[in-house]
Amino acid sequence: MSDQTNTRQGSRRPLWLTVVLAILKIIWFPAACIVALIAGLMIGYVMLGGQPSSEVFHIQTWKHLFDLVFAAS
């Protein structure tokens, strides 16, 4: 019986590793979504649109696009 107790205690993770893994479990999906958003912006605006990559994150670019899409006709 004492062999099973020692085996269980020897295979336990340290507390810091458990905390880090729990944080990563929560954060990985939002982080993957942000990476996918940035990749999509770069592919769509730079490669397909032929625009300079420096303009991708300018707010004026996206205000102009919003005005084009939702303008009263």
N, C-alpha and C. Protein backbone atom coordinates (compact mmCIF):
# COMPACT_ATOMS: atom_id res chain seq x y z
N MET A 1 0.83 -1.18 0.00
CA MET A 1 0.00 0.00 0.00
C MET A 1 0.87 1.25 0.00
N SER A 2 1.96 1.23 0.70
CA SER A 2 2.83 2.40 0.74
C SER A 2 3.52 2.63 -0.60
N ASP A 3 3.68 1.58 -1.43
CA ASP A 3 4.28 1.74 -2.74
C ASP A 3 3.39 2.59 -3.65
N GLN A 4 2.09 2.39 -3.57
CA GLN A 4 1.17 3.18 -4.40
C GLN A 4 1.18 4.64 -3.96
N THR A 5 1.27 4.90 -2.69
CA THR A 5 1.30 6.26 -2.19
C THR A 5 2.56 6.97 -2.65
N ASN A 6 3.70 6.31 -2.58
CA ASN A 6 4.95 6.92 -3.04
C ASN A 6 4.92 7.17 -4.54
N THR A 7 4.33 6.26 -5.30
CA THR A 7 4.26 6.41 -6.75
C THR A 7 3.39 7.61 -7.12
N ARG A 8 2.30 7.77 -6.45
CA ARG A 8 1.42 8.91 -6.74
C ARG A 8 2.09 10.23 -6.40
N GLN A 9 2.76 10.29 -5.29
CA GLN A 9 3.41 11.54 -4.90
C GLN A 9 4.58 11.85 -5.80
N GLY A 10 5.29 10.85 -6.29
CA GLY A 10 6.42 11.06 -7.16
C GLY A 10 6.02 11.56 -8.53
N SER A 11 4.81 11.27 -8.98
CA SER A 11 4.37 11.67 -10.31
C SER A 11 3.56 12.96 -10.30
N ARG A 12 3.35 13.55 -9.15
CA ARG A 12 2.60 14.81 -9.09
C ARG A 12 3.40 15.94 -9.69
N ARG A 13 2.71 16.84 -10.33
CA ARG A 13 3.36 18.02 -10.90
C ARG A 13 3.57 19.06 -9.82
N PRO A 14 4.59 19.88 -9.99
CA PRO A 14 4.76 21.00 -9.06
C PRO A 14 3.60 21.98 -9.21
N LEU A 15 3.34 22.74 -8.18
CA LEU A 15 2.22 23.68 -8.18
C LEU A 15 2.36 24.72 -9.28
N TRP A 16 3.56 25.23 -9.49
CA TRP A 16 3.76 26.26 -10.51
C TRP A 16 3.46 25.71 -11.91
N LEU A 17 3.79 24.47 -12.16
CA LEU A 17 3.51 23.87 -13.47
C LEU A 17 2.02 23.67 -13.66
N THR A 18 1.33 23.28 -12.61
CA THR A 18 -0.13 23.12 -12.67
C THR A 18 -0.80 24.46 -12.96
N VAL A 19 -0.33 25.51 -12.33
CA VAL A 19 -0.90 26.85 -12.56
C VAL A 19 -0.63 27.31 -13.98
N VAL A 20 0.59 27.12 -14.46
CA VAL A 20 0.94 27.53 -15.82
C VAL A 20 0.10 26.77 -16.85
N LEU A 21 -0.05 25.47 -16.66
CA LEU A 21 -0.85 24.68 -17.58
C LEU A 21 -2.33 25.09 -17.56
N ALA A 22 -2.84 25.44 -16.39
CA ALA A 22 -4.23 25.90 -16.30
C ALA A 22 -4.41 27.22 -17.03
N ILE A 23 -3.44 28.12 -16.90
CA ILE A 23 -3.52 29.41 -17.59
C ILE A 23 -3.44 29.20 -19.10
N LEU A 24 -2.53 28.34 -19.53
CA LEU A 24 -2.41 28.07 -20.97
C LEU A 24 -3.66 27.42 -21.53
N LYS A 25 -4.31 26.58 -20.73
CA LYS A 25 -5.55 25.95 -21.19
C LYS A 25 -6.63 26.99 -21.44
N ILE A 26 -6.65 28.04 -20.65
CA ILE A 26 -7.66 29.09 -20.80
C ILE A 26 -7.28 30.05 -21.92
N ILE A 27 -6.02 30.36 -22.08
CA ILE A 27 -5.56 31.42 -22.97
C ILE A 27 -5.33 30.96 -24.41
N TRP A 28 -5.13 29.69 -24.67
CA TRP A 28 -4.70 29.27 -26.01
C TRP A 28 -5.72 29.60 -27.08
N PHE A 29 -7.00 29.45 -26.82
CA PHE A 29 -8.00 29.70 -27.86
C PHE A 29 -8.12 31.18 -28.22
N PRO A 30 -8.23 32.10 -27.25
CA PRO A 30 -8.24 33.52 -27.63
C PRO A 30 -6.95 33.95 -28.34
N ALA A 31 -5.82 33.41 -27.91
CA ALA A 31 -4.56 33.75 -28.57
C ALA A 31 -4.55 33.23 -30.01
N ALA A 32 -5.05 32.05 -30.23
CA ALA A 32 -5.12 31.50 -31.59
C ALA A 32 -6.06 32.33 -32.46
N CYS A 33 -7.15 32.83 -31.88
CA CYS A 33 -8.07 33.69 -32.64
C CYS A 33 -7.42 35.01 -33.02
N ILE A 34 -6.64 35.58 -32.13
CA ILE A 34 -5.95 36.84 -32.43
C ILE A 34 -4.91 36.63 -33.52
N VAL A 35 -4.17 35.54 -33.45
CA VAL A 35 -3.19 35.23 -34.48
C VAL A 35 -3.88 35.03 -35.83
N ALA A 36 -5.01 34.33 -35.84
CA ALA A 36 -5.75 34.11 -37.08
C ALA A 36 -6.29 35.44 -37.64
N LEU A 37 -6.73 36.34 -36.77
CA LEU A 37 -7.22 37.64 -37.21
C LEU A 37 -6.10 38.44 -37.88
N ILE A 38 -4.94 38.48 -37.24
CA ILE A 38 -3.82 39.23 -37.79
C ILE A 38 -3.37 38.61 -39.11
N ALA A 39 -3.30 37.29 -39.18
CA ALA A 39 -2.92 36.63 -40.42
C ALA A 39 -3.94 36.91 -41.52
N GLY A 40 -5.21 36.89 -41.19
CA GLY A 40 -6.25 37.19 -42.18
C GLY A 40 -6.20 38.63 -42.67
N LEU A 41 -5.93 39.56 -41.76
CA LEU A 41 -5.78 40.96 -42.18
C LEU A 41 -4.61 41.13 -43.13
N MET A 42 -3.50 40.51 -42.79
CA MET A 42 -2.31 40.63 -43.62
C MET A 42 -2.53 39.98 -44.99
N ILE A 43 -3.12 38.81 -45.02
CA ILE A 43 -3.35 38.14 -46.30
C ILE A 43 -4.35 38.91 -47.15
N GLY A 44 -5.45 39.32 -46.54
CA GLY A 44 -6.49 40.00 -47.30
C GLY A 44 -6.10 41.38 -47.75
N TYR A 45 -5.48 42.15 -46.90
CA TYR A 45 -5.18 43.55 -47.23
C TYR A 45 -3.91 43.68 -48.05
N VAL A 46 -2.89 42.90 -47.71
CA VAL A 46 -1.60 43.04 -48.37
C VAL A 46 -1.52 42.18 -49.62
N MET A 47 -1.79 40.89 -49.50
CA MET A 47 -1.61 40.00 -50.64
C MET A 47 -2.74 40.13 -51.66
N LEU A 48 -3.97 40.08 -51.21
CA LEU A 48 -5.09 40.16 -52.15
C LEU A 48 -5.38 41.59 -52.58
N GLY A 49 -5.26 42.53 -51.65
CA GLY A 49 -5.57 43.92 -51.96
C GLY A 49 -4.42 44.69 -52.58
N GLY A 50 -3.21 44.18 -52.44
CA GLY A 50 -2.06 44.85 -53.03
C GLY A 50 -1.68 46.15 -52.34
N GLN A 51 -2.06 46.32 -51.10
CA GLN A 51 -1.75 47.53 -50.36
C GLN A 51 -0.51 47.33 -49.51
N PRO A 52 0.13 48.43 -49.10
CA PRO A 52 1.33 48.28 -48.25
C PRO A 52 0.97 47.74 -46.86
N SER A 53 1.85 46.92 -46.34
CA SER A 53 1.56 46.28 -45.06
C SER A 53 1.59 47.27 -43.90
N SER A 54 2.20 48.42 -44.09
CA SER A 54 2.24 49.41 -43.01
C SER A 54 0.87 50.01 -42.73
N GLU A 55 -0.05 49.91 -43.66
CA GLU A 55 -1.38 50.50 -43.49
C GLU A 55 -2.40 49.56 -42.85
N VAL A 56 -2.03 48.33 -42.63
CA VAL A 56 -3.00 47.34 -42.13
C VAL A 56 -3.57 47.75 -40.78
N PHE A 57 -2.74 48.30 -39.91
CA PHE A 57 -3.20 48.60 -38.55
C PHE A 57 -3.48 50.08 -38.32
N HIS A 58 -3.58 50.88 -39.38
CA HIS A 58 -3.98 52.28 -39.22
C HIS A 58 -5.49 52.35 -39.08
N ILE A 59 -5.94 53.10 -38.12
CA ILE A 59 -7.38 53.20 -37.87
C ILE A 59 -8.10 53.92 -39.02
N GLN A 60 -7.41 54.81 -39.71
CA GLN A 60 -8.02 55.53 -40.82
C GLN A 60 -8.40 54.57 -41.95
N THR A 61 -7.61 53.55 -42.15
CA THR A 61 -7.91 52.56 -43.20
C THR A 61 -9.24 51.89 -42.91
N TRP A 62 -9.45 51.49 -41.68
CA TRP A 62 -10.65 50.75 -41.35
C TRP A 62 -11.86 51.66 -41.20
N LYS A 63 -11.65 52.93 -40.84
CA LYS A 63 -12.75 53.89 -40.86
C LYS A 63 -13.23 54.11 -42.29
N HIS A 64 -12.28 54.21 -43.21
CA HIS A 64 -12.63 54.39 -44.62
C HIS A 64 -13.39 53.17 -45.14
N LEU A 65 -12.94 51.99 -44.80
CA LEU A 65 -13.62 50.76 -45.22
C LEU A 65 -15.03 50.69 -44.63
N PHE A 66 -15.18 51.06 -43.37
CA PHE A 66 -16.49 51.08 -42.73
C PHE A 66 -17.42 52.04 -43.44
N ASP A 67 -16.89 53.23 -43.78
CA ASP A 67 -17.71 54.21 -44.49
C ASP A 67 -18.12 53.72 -45.88
N LEU A 68 -17.23 53.01 -46.54
CA LEU A 68 -17.58 52.46 -47.85
C LEU A 68 -18.67 51.41 -47.75
N VAL A 69 -18.59 50.56 -46.75
CA VAL A 69 -19.56 49.47 -46.63
C VAL A 69 -20.92 49.97 -46.15
N PHE A 70 -20.93 50.90 -45.19
CA PHE A 70 -22.19 51.31 -44.58
C PHE A 70 -22.65 52.70 -45.01
N ALA A 71 -22.15 53.19 -46.12
CA ALA A 71 -22.56 54.51 -46.61
C ALA A 71 -24.01 54.46 -47.10
N ALA A 72 -24.70 55.55 -46.88
CA ALA A 72 -26.07 55.65 -47.38
C ALA A 72 -26.02 55.86 -48.89
N SER A 73 -26.78 55.06 -49.62
CA SER A 73 -26.70 55.16 -51.07
C SER A 73 -27.81 55.94 -51.68
